[in-house]
Protein backbone atom coordinates (compact mmCIF):
# COMPACT_ATOMS: atom_id res chain seq x y z
CA MET A 1 0.00 0.00 0.00
CA THR A 2 2.82 2.35 0.79
CA GLU A 3 4.34 1.92 -2.66
CA GLN A 4 0.93 2.40 -4.25
CA ASN A 5 0.34 5.56 -2.23
CA THR A 6 3.76 6.84 -3.21
CA ALA A 7 3.06 6.10 -6.88
CA SER A 8 -0.35 7.80 -6.67
CA ALA A 9 1.19 10.85 -5.01
CA THR A 10 3.85 11.00 -7.72
CA VAL A 11 1.20 10.82 -10.45
CA ARG A 12 -0.86 13.56 -8.79
CA THR A 13 2.20 15.75 -8.40
CA THR A 14 3.11 15.25 -12.05
CA LEU A 15 -0.42 16.10 -13.18
CA VAL A 16 -0.42 19.23 -11.03
CA ASP A 17 2.93 20.28 -12.50
CA VAL A 18 1.73 19.66 -16.06
CA LEU A 19 -1.80 21.04 -15.82
CA GLY A 20 -1.20 23.69 -13.17
CA VAL A 21 0.51 25.90 -15.74
CA VAL A 22 -2.94 26.72 -17.15
CA SER A 23 -4.21 28.24 -13.89
CA ASP A 24 -0.95 29.92 -12.93
CA ALA A 25 -1.23 33.69 -13.38
CA GLN A 26 2.53 33.92 -13.94
CA THR A 27 2.09 31.93 -17.16
CA TYR A 28 -0.01 34.70 -18.69
CA ARG A 29 2.31 37.43 -17.45
CA ASN A 30 5.14 35.51 -19.13
CA LEU A 31 3.09 35.27 -22.32
CA LEU A 32 2.43 39.00 -22.29
CA TYR A 33 6.14 39.69 -21.86
CA LEU A 34 7.01 37.39 -24.76
CA VAL A 35 4.27 38.84 -26.98
CA LEU A 36 5.80 42.29 -26.42
CA ALA A 37 9.37 41.03 -26.86
CA PHE A 38 9.39 40.93 -30.68
CA PRO A 39 7.97 44.42 -31.45
CA LEU A 40 9.99 46.00 -28.63
CA GLY A 41 13.17 44.20 -29.66
CA LEU A 42 12.68 45.27 -33.27
CA LEU A 43 12.02 48.87 -32.21
CA TYR A 44 15.10 48.98 -29.96
CA TYR A 45 17.32 47.47 -32.62
CA THR A 46 16.09 49.89 -35.29
CA VAL A 47 16.55 52.97 -33.08
CA LEU A 48 19.98 51.79 -31.91
CA MET A 49 21.29 51.02 -35.41
CA LEU A 50 19.90 54.27 -36.79
CA GLY A 51 21.44 56.31 -33.98
CA LEU A 52 24.82 54.62 -34.17
CA THR A 53 24.96 54.77 -37.97
CA LEU A 54 24.05 58.45 -38.16
CA GLY A 55 26.21 59.36 -35.18
CA LEU A 56 29.31 57.59 -36.45
CA GLY A 57 28.75 58.81 -40.01
CA LEU A 58 28.51 62.42 -38.81
CA SER A 59 31.06 62.08 -36.02
CA ILE A 60 33.38 64.61 -37.66
CA LEU A 61 30.64 67.17 -37.00
CA VAL A 62 29.22 68.30 -33.66
CA VAL A 63 25.78 67.03 -34.67
CA GLY A 64 27.15 63.50 -35.00
CA LEU A 65 28.49 63.55 -31.45
CA GLY A 66 25.14 64.87 -30.29
CA ILE A 67 23.35 61.99 -32.01
CA LEU A 68 25.71 59.48 -30.36
CA LEU A 69 25.13 61.03 -26.94
CA ALA A 70 21.36 61.04 -27.50
CA THR A 71 21.55 57.36 -28.52
CA VAL A 72 23.45 56.48 -25.34
CA ILE A 73 20.96 58.39 -23.19
CA GLY A 74 18.07 56.75 -25.01
CA LEU A 75 19.68 53.38 -24.43
CA ARG A 76 19.68 53.98 -20.69
CA TYR A 77 15.99 54.93 -20.79
CA ILE A 78 15.29 51.71 -22.69
CA ALA A 79 17.19 49.74 -20.05
CA ALA A 80 15.22 51.43 -17.28
CA PHE A 81 11.92 50.59 -19.01
CA GLU A 82 13.00 46.98 -19.49
CA ARG A 83 13.92 46.70 -15.80
CA ARG A 84 10.43 47.81 -14.81
CA LEU A 85 8.86 45.53 -17.42
CA ALA A 86 10.81 42.48 -16.21
CA ASN A 87 10.05 43.26 -12.57
CA ARG A 88 6.36 43.65 -13.34
CA LEU A 89 5.81 40.72 -15.69
CA LEU A 90 8.60 38.24 -14.99
CA GLY A 91 8.69 38.62 -11.23
CA THR A 92 12.31 39.78 -11.06
CA ALA A 93 13.64 42.28 -8.53
CA ILE A 94 16.21 44.17 -10.58
CA ALA A 95 17.52 47.27 -8.84
CA ASP A 96 18.53 50.43 -10.67
CA PRO A 97 22.29 50.63 -11.30
CA ALA A 98 24.14 53.07 -9.05
CA ASP A 99 27.21 53.67 -11.23
CA LEU A 100 26.16 57.20 -12.28
CA GLU A 101 26.25 58.74 -8.83
CA ARG A 102 29.65 60.29 -9.54
CA ALA A 103 28.43 62.08 -12.69
CA GLY A 104 29.50 65.72 -12.70
CA GLU A 105 27.73 68.77 -14.05
CA GLY A 106 27.70 69.76 -17.69
CA ILE A 107 27.28 67.89 -20.97
CA VAL A 108 30.89 66.71 -21.20
CA ALA A 109 30.94 65.35 -17.63
CA THR A 110 27.56 63.67 -18.12
CA ALA A 111 28.62 62.09 -21.41
CA LYS A 112 31.85 60.85 -19.81
CA ALA A 113 29.93 59.35 -16.89
CA TYR A 114 27.50 57.58 -19.23
CA LEU A 115 30.32 56.13 -21.34
CA GLN A 116 32.30 54.99 -18.30
CA ALA A 117 29.32 53.34 -16.60
CA SER A 118 29.32 49.59 -17.06
CA SER A 119 25.50 49.60 -16.93
CA THR A 120 25.47 51.51 -20.23
CA TRP A 121 27.34 48.77 -22.07
CA ARG A 122 25.46 45.98 -20.33
CA GLY A 123 22.27 47.73 -21.42
CA LEU A 124 23.60 47.77 -24.97
CA GLY A 125 24.22 44.04 -24.73
CA PHE A 126 20.68 43.48 -23.48
CA VAL A 127 19.17 45.45 -26.37
CA MET A 128 21.12 43.35 -28.87
CA VAL A 129 20.10 40.09 -27.17
CA LYS A 130 16.49 41.27 -26.83
CA PHE A 131 16.14 41.46 -30.61
CA TRP A 132 17.03 37.78 -31.09
CA LEU A 133 15.06 36.62 -28.07
CA GLY A 134 12.07 38.48 -29.49
CA ILE A 135 12.39 36.59 -32.76
CA LEU A 136 12.60 33.28 -30.88
CA ALA A 137 9.53 34.16 -28.80
CA PHE A 138 7.58 35.15 -31.92
CA VAL A 139 8.40 31.87 -33.70
CA LEU A 140 7.40 29.79 -30.66
CA LEU A 141 4.19 31.75 -30.11
CA VAL A 142 3.10 31.33 -33.71
CA SER A 143 4.36 27.84 -34.49
CA VAL A 144 3.64 25.99 -31.23
CA LEU A 145 1.01 27.94 -29.30
CA GLY A 146 -0.75 29.21 -32.41
CA THR A 147 -0.87 25.74 -33.95
CA GLY A 148 -2.18 24.22 -30.72
CA ILE A 149 -4.97 26.79 -30.42
CA GLU A 150 -5.92 26.36 -34.07
CA LEU A 151 -6.19 22.59 -33.68
CA ALA A 152 -8.12 22.86 -30.40
CA VAL A 153 -10.79 25.09 -31.96
CA LEU A 154 -10.77 23.43 -35.38
CA PRO A 155 -14.25 21.84 -34.99
CA LEU A 156 -15.70 25.35 -34.78
CA TYR A 157 -14.70 25.99 -38.39
CA PRO A 158 -17.02 24.28 -40.91
CA GLU A 159 -14.44 24.12 -43.68
CA GLY A 160 -12.09 22.07 -41.50
CA VAL A 161 -8.92 23.52 -43.02
CA PHE A 162 -5.77 23.47 -40.92
CA ASN A 163 -3.48 26.26 -42.06
CA VAL A 164 -0.19 27.32 -40.43
CA GLN A 165 2.26 29.86 -41.82
CA VAL A 166 5.54 30.89 -40.16
CA ALA A 167 8.07 33.18 -41.87
CA GLY A 168 6.87 32.23 -45.34
CA TRP A 169 6.70 28.50 -44.56
CA ARG A 170 3.12 27.33 -44.99
CA VAL A 171 1.43 24.07 -44.06
CA ALA A 172 -2.17 23.45 -45.02
CA ALA A 173 -4.24 20.31 -44.58
CA SER A 174 -7.88 19.45 -44.98
CA ILE A 175 -9.48 17.85 -41.92
CA GLU A 176 -12.94 16.76 -42.94
CA THR A 177 -13.99 13.57 -41.16
CA THR A 178 -15.52 13.49 -37.69
CA ALA A 179 -12.70 11.29 -36.42
CA GLN A 180 -10.07 13.73 -37.67
CA ARG A 181 -11.86 16.63 -36.04
CA ALA A 182 -12.19 14.74 -32.77
CA LEU A 183 -8.50 13.88 -32.83
CA ALA A 184 -7.49 17.48 -33.58
CA VAL A 185 -8.87 18.75 -30.25
CA PRO A 186 -6.75 16.64 -27.84
CA VAL A 187 -3.68 17.12 -30.03
CA GLY A 188 -4.26 20.85 -29.90
CA VAL A 189 -4.71 20.81 -26.11
CA VAL A 190 -1.45 18.89 -25.68
CA LEU A 191 0.34 21.37 -27.94
CA VAL A 192 -1.03 24.30 -25.93
CA LEU A 193 0.18 22.72 -22.67
CA LEU A 194 3.56 22.04 -24.24
CA ALA A 195 3.73 25.60 -25.53
CA PHE A 196 2.95 27.00 -22.07
CA HIS A 197 5.80 25.04 -20.50
CA VAL A 198 8.26 25.90 -23.28
CA LEU A 199 7.33 29.59 -23.22
CA ASN A 200 7.61 29.68 -19.43
CA ALA A 201 11.12 28.28 -19.78
CA VAL A 202 11.95 30.94 -22.39
CA ALA A 203 10.56 33.61 -20.06
CA ARG A 204 12.81 32.36 -17.25
CA VAL A 205 15.79 32.66 -19.59
CA ASN A 206 14.73 36.21 -20.37
CA ALA A 207 14.45 36.96 -16.65
CA SER A 208 17.93 35.59 -16.02
CA ILE A 209 19.44 37.63 -18.87
CA ALA A 210 17.63 40.78 -17.73
CA SER A 211 18.88 40.30 -14.16
CA SER A 212 22.45 39.83 -15.38
CA LEU A 213 22.58 42.72 -17.84
CA LEU A 214 20.19 45.29 -16.39
CA GLY A 215 21.01 45.03 -12.70
CA SER A 216 23.76 46.76 -10.77
CA ASP A 217 27.30 45.47 -10.41
CA THR A 218 26.74 44.85 -6.71
CA ASP A 219 23.73 42.65 -7.43
CA GLU A 220 25.74 40.64 -9.96
CA GLN A 221 28.60 40.19 -7.52
CA ARG A 222 26.18 39.15 -4.77
CA GLU A 223 24.62 36.52 -7.04
CA THR A 224 28.12 35.19 -7.90
CA LEU A 225 29.00 34.87 -4.23
């Protein structure tokens, strides 16, 4: 009986772990973060490349240096927004970096402080990584979660056409029989559950990267210790 009770408890625990993701509010906060990741990452990357390209191209002029400085300042605002976003949606507790406290007065002193601050360059690294993580999140959302939802609700569509398209790659199939429609629903539910777990794992990776690149040096050293 003891072994049977242990086996039953193990099965119940496994089912809770697998199915509990549906009722966990953090799952949907993670999904919202990942849904926003692609457009935000694309926006950051575009602004950063435009600012750096124009600034470096016009660096022999004062206006070019001004564009570079504005890009660096904008980068820090982006990092600050991403800290708040990660803390709000991913459950992190990333503190604001404190490496600008020694910034002096005036444009030159401020620019020097920004360029010397390690948080500026770690923020740059995060923006670059965010772009690729956003692409990964978009592909997973469309290909796995989107496919699962489409299969789960397929019986609601009279034409019974299964159609998935990701980055120009298109798969279409006709599901007409009652048996095929009945089979599509559980397959879709399993895919949705799988997508939730995979996307939660991706969100945890995002949280770890955000904590490493957007936090303060003291926080990073404390985590290492």
